[in-house]
């Protein structure tokens, strides 16, 4: 379970870095005036769009990892804890 959590945290950091790069690319368009920059504005917007696709794919990977790996692992741990508590309370009686 700890390995799953470490993997998830790494995926979150990777997503955050990709998102920051997208924002940097997007704010980079401010330095160009549309129609007066010989295509640099369009190039910057295109770079931001490409980065946004990467961000979206990382978000989907995060969601899938949570639903398919992390959530079942937590449910299993919860069941194990409940069983241990029930067994301990039976022994105490």
C-alpha atoms as a PDB file:
ATOM      1  CA  UNK A   1       0.000   0.000   0.000  1.00  0.00           C
ATOM      2  CA  UNK A   2       2.870   2.380   0.765  1.00  0.00           C
ATOM      3  CA  UNK A   3       4.420   1.678  -2.633  1.00  0.00           C
ATOM      4  CA  UNK A   4       1.091   2.507  -4.281  1.00  0.00           C
ATOM      5  CA  UNK A   5       0.933   5.764  -2.354  1.00  0.00           C
ATOM      6  CA  UNK A   6       4.507   6.664  -3.336  1.00  0.00           C
ATOM      7  CA  UNK A   7       3.691   5.983  -6.976  1.00  0.00           C
ATOM      8  CA  UNK A   8       0.564   8.131  -6.728  1.00  0.00           C
ATOM      9  CA  UNK A   9       2.511  10.989  -5.145  1.00  0.00           C
ATOM     10  CA  UNK A  10       5.071  10.784  -7.949  1.00  0.00           C
ATOM     11  CA  UNK A  11       2.298  10.927 -10.513  1.00  0.00           C
ATOM     12  CA  UNK A  12       0.835  13.992  -8.788  1.00  0.00           C
ATOM     13  CA  UNK A  13       4.216  15.751  -8.855  1.00  0.00           C
ATOM     14  CA  UNK A  14       4.613  14.891 -12.549  1.00  0.00           C
ATOM     15  CA  UNK A  15       1.110  16.233 -13.269  1.00  0.00           C
ATOM     16  CA  UNK A  16       1.851  19.446 -11.343  1.00  0.00           C
ATOM     17  CA  UNK A  17       5.086  20.001 -13.280  1.00  0.00           C
ATOM     18  CA  UNK A  18       3.297  19.479 -16.601  1.00  0.00           C
ATOM     19  CA  UNK A  19       0.538  21.875 -15.546  1.00  0.00           C
ATOM     20  CA  UNK A  20       3.065  24.545 -14.526  1.00  0.00           C
ATOM     21  CA  UNK A  21       4.739  24.189 -17.935  1.00  0.00           C
ATOM     22  CA  UNK A  22       1.346  24.609 -19.628  1.00  0.00           C
ATOM     23  CA  UNK A  23       0.681  27.807 -17.653  1.00  0.00           C
ATOM     24  CA  UNK A  24       4.159  29.088 -18.538  1.00  0.00           C
ATOM     25  CA  UNK A  25       3.527  28.392 -22.235  1.00  0.00           C
ATOM     26  CA  UNK A  26       0.123  30.043 -22.056  1.00  0.00           C
ATOM     27  CA  UNK A  27       1.348  33.177 -20.295  1.00  0.00           C
ATOM     28  CA  UNK A  28       4.173  33.342 -22.830  1.00  0.00           C
ATOM     29  CA  UNK A  29       1.623  34.440 -25.404  1.00  0.00           C
ATOM     30  CA  UNK A  30       1.303  37.803 -23.624  1.00  0.00           C
ATOM     31  CA  UNK A  31       4.612  38.971 -25.045  1.00  0.00           C
ATOM     32  CA  UNK A  32       3.364  38.727 -28.624  1.00  0.00           C
ATOM     33  CA  UNK A  33       0.784  40.898 -30.351  1.00  0.00           C
ATOM     34  CA  UNK A  34      -1.489  38.842 -32.560  1.00  0.00           C
ATOM     35  CA  UNK A  35      -0.894  39.772 -36.193  1.00  0.00           C
ATOM     36  CA  UNK A  36       2.372  41.614 -35.477  1.00  0.00           C
ATOM     37  CA  UNK A  37       4.715  38.841 -34.356  1.00  0.00           C
ATOM     38  CA  UNK A  38       5.363  36.913 -37.588  1.00  0.00           C
ATOM     39  CA  UNK A  39       3.733  33.704 -36.333  1.00  0.00           C
ATOM     40  CA  UNK A  40       5.387  33.625 -32.903  1.00  0.00           C
ATOM     41  CA  UNK A  41       2.027  34.099 -31.164  1.00  0.00           C
ATOM     42  CA  UNK A  42       0.510  31.184 -33.050  1.00  0.00           C
ATOM     43  CA  UNK A  43       3.580  29.069 -32.277  1.00  0.00           C
ATOM     44  CA  UNK A  44       3.314  29.852 -28.574  1.00  0.00           C
ATOM     45  CA  UNK A  45      -0.408  29.038 -28.525  1.00  0.00           C
ATOM     46  CA  UNK A  46       0.319  25.791 -30.353  1.00  0.00           C
ATOM     47  CA  UNK A  47       2.955  24.866 -27.756  1.00  0.00           C
ATOM     48  CA  UNK A  48       0.455  25.587 -24.973  1.00  0.00           C
ATOM     49  CA  UNK A  49      -2.178  23.421 -26.678  1.00  0.00           C
ATOM     50  CA  UNK A  50       0.285  20.552 -27.016  1.00  0.00           C
ATOM     51  CA  UNK A  51       1.202  20.858 -23.355  1.00  0.00           C
ATOM     52  CA  UNK A  52      -2.481  20.904 -22.412  1.00  0.00           C
ATOM     53  CA  UNK A  53      -2.930  17.533 -24.131  1.00  0.00           C
ATOM     54  CA  UNK A  54      -0.086  16.171 -21.992  1.00  0.00           C
ATOM     55  CA  UNK A  55      -1.700  17.611 -18.848  1.00  0.00           C
ATOM     56  CA  UNK A  56      -5.025  16.012 -19.733  1.00  0.00           C
ATOM     57  CA  UNK A  57      -3.428  12.603 -20.332  1.00  0.00           C
ATOM     58  CA  UNK A  58      -1.628  12.816 -16.976  1.00  0.00           C
ATOM     59  CA  UNK A  59      -4.907  13.729 -15.265  1.00  0.00           C
ATOM     60  CA  UNK A  60      -6.583  10.691 -16.806  1.00  0.00           C
ATOM     61  CA  UNK A  61      -3.691   8.477 -15.693  1.00  0.00           C
ATOM     62  CA  UNK A  62      -4.013   9.851 -12.155  1.00  0.00           C
ATOM     63  CA  UNK A  63      -7.741   9.199 -12.058  1.00  0.00           C
ATOM     64  CA  UNK A  64      -7.329   5.678 -13.424  1.00  0.00           C
ATOM     65  CA  UNK A  65      -4.534   4.841 -10.974  1.00  0.00           C
ATOM     66  CA  UNK A  66      -6.642   6.080  -8.081  1.00  0.00           C
ATOM     67  CA  UNK A  67      -9.735   4.121  -9.109  1.00  0.00           C
ATOM     68  CA  UNK A  68      -7.986   0.924 -10.214  1.00  0.00           C
ATOM     69  CA  UNK A  69      -5.096   0.665  -7.737  1.00  0.00           C
ATOM     70  CA  UNK A  70      -5.182   3.026  -4.786  1.00  0.00           C
ATOM     71  CA  UNK A  71      -8.879   2.867  -3.882  1.00  0.00           C
ATOM     72  CA  UNK A  72      -9.058  -0.966  -3.865  1.00  0.00           C
ATOM     73  CA  UNK A  73      -5.887  -1.058  -1.769  1.00  0.00           C
ATOM     74  CA  UNK A  74      -7.392   1.298   0.812  1.00  0.00           C
ATOM     75  CA  UNK A  75     -10.623  -0.719   0.879  1.00  0.00           C
ATOM     76  CA  UNK A  76      -8.625  -3.881   1.505  1.00  0.00           C
ATOM     77  CA  UNK A  77      -6.736  -2.231   4.358  1.00  0.00           C
ATOM     78  CA  UNK A  78      -9.995  -0.983   5.862  1.00  0.00           C
ATOM     79  CA  UNK A  79     -11.465  -4.500   5.761  1.00  0.00           C
ATOM     80  CA  UNK A  80      -8.330  -5.927   7.362  1.00  0.00           C
ATOM     81  CA  UNK A  81      -8.498  -3.328  10.152  1.00  0.00           C
ATOM     82  CA  UNK A  82     -12.187  -4.037  10.803  1.00  0.00           C
ATOM     83  CA  UNK A  83     -11.473  -7.761  10.996  1.00  0.00           C
ATOM     84  CA  UNK A  84      -8.586  -7.183  13.398  1.00  0.00           C
ATOM     85  CA  UNK A  85     -10.735  -4.987  15.641  1.00  0.00           C
ATOM     86  CA  UNK A  86     -13.551  -7.544  15.597  1.00  0.00           C
ATOM     87  CA  UNK A  87     -11.124 -10.348  16.477  1.00  0.00           C
ATOM     88  CA  UNK A  88      -9.619  -8.309  19.301  1.00  0.00           C
ATOM     89  CA  UNK A  89     -13.033  -7.513  20.732  1.00  0.00           C
ATOM     90  CA  UNK A  90     -13.992 -11.211  20.591  1.00  0.00           C
ATOM     91  CA  UNK A  91     -10.815 -12.129  22.493  1.00  0.00           C
ATOM     92  CA  UNK A  92     -11.551  -9.474  25.127  1.00  0.00           C
ATOM     93  CA  UNK A  93     -14.909 -11.058  25.928  1.00  0.00           C
END
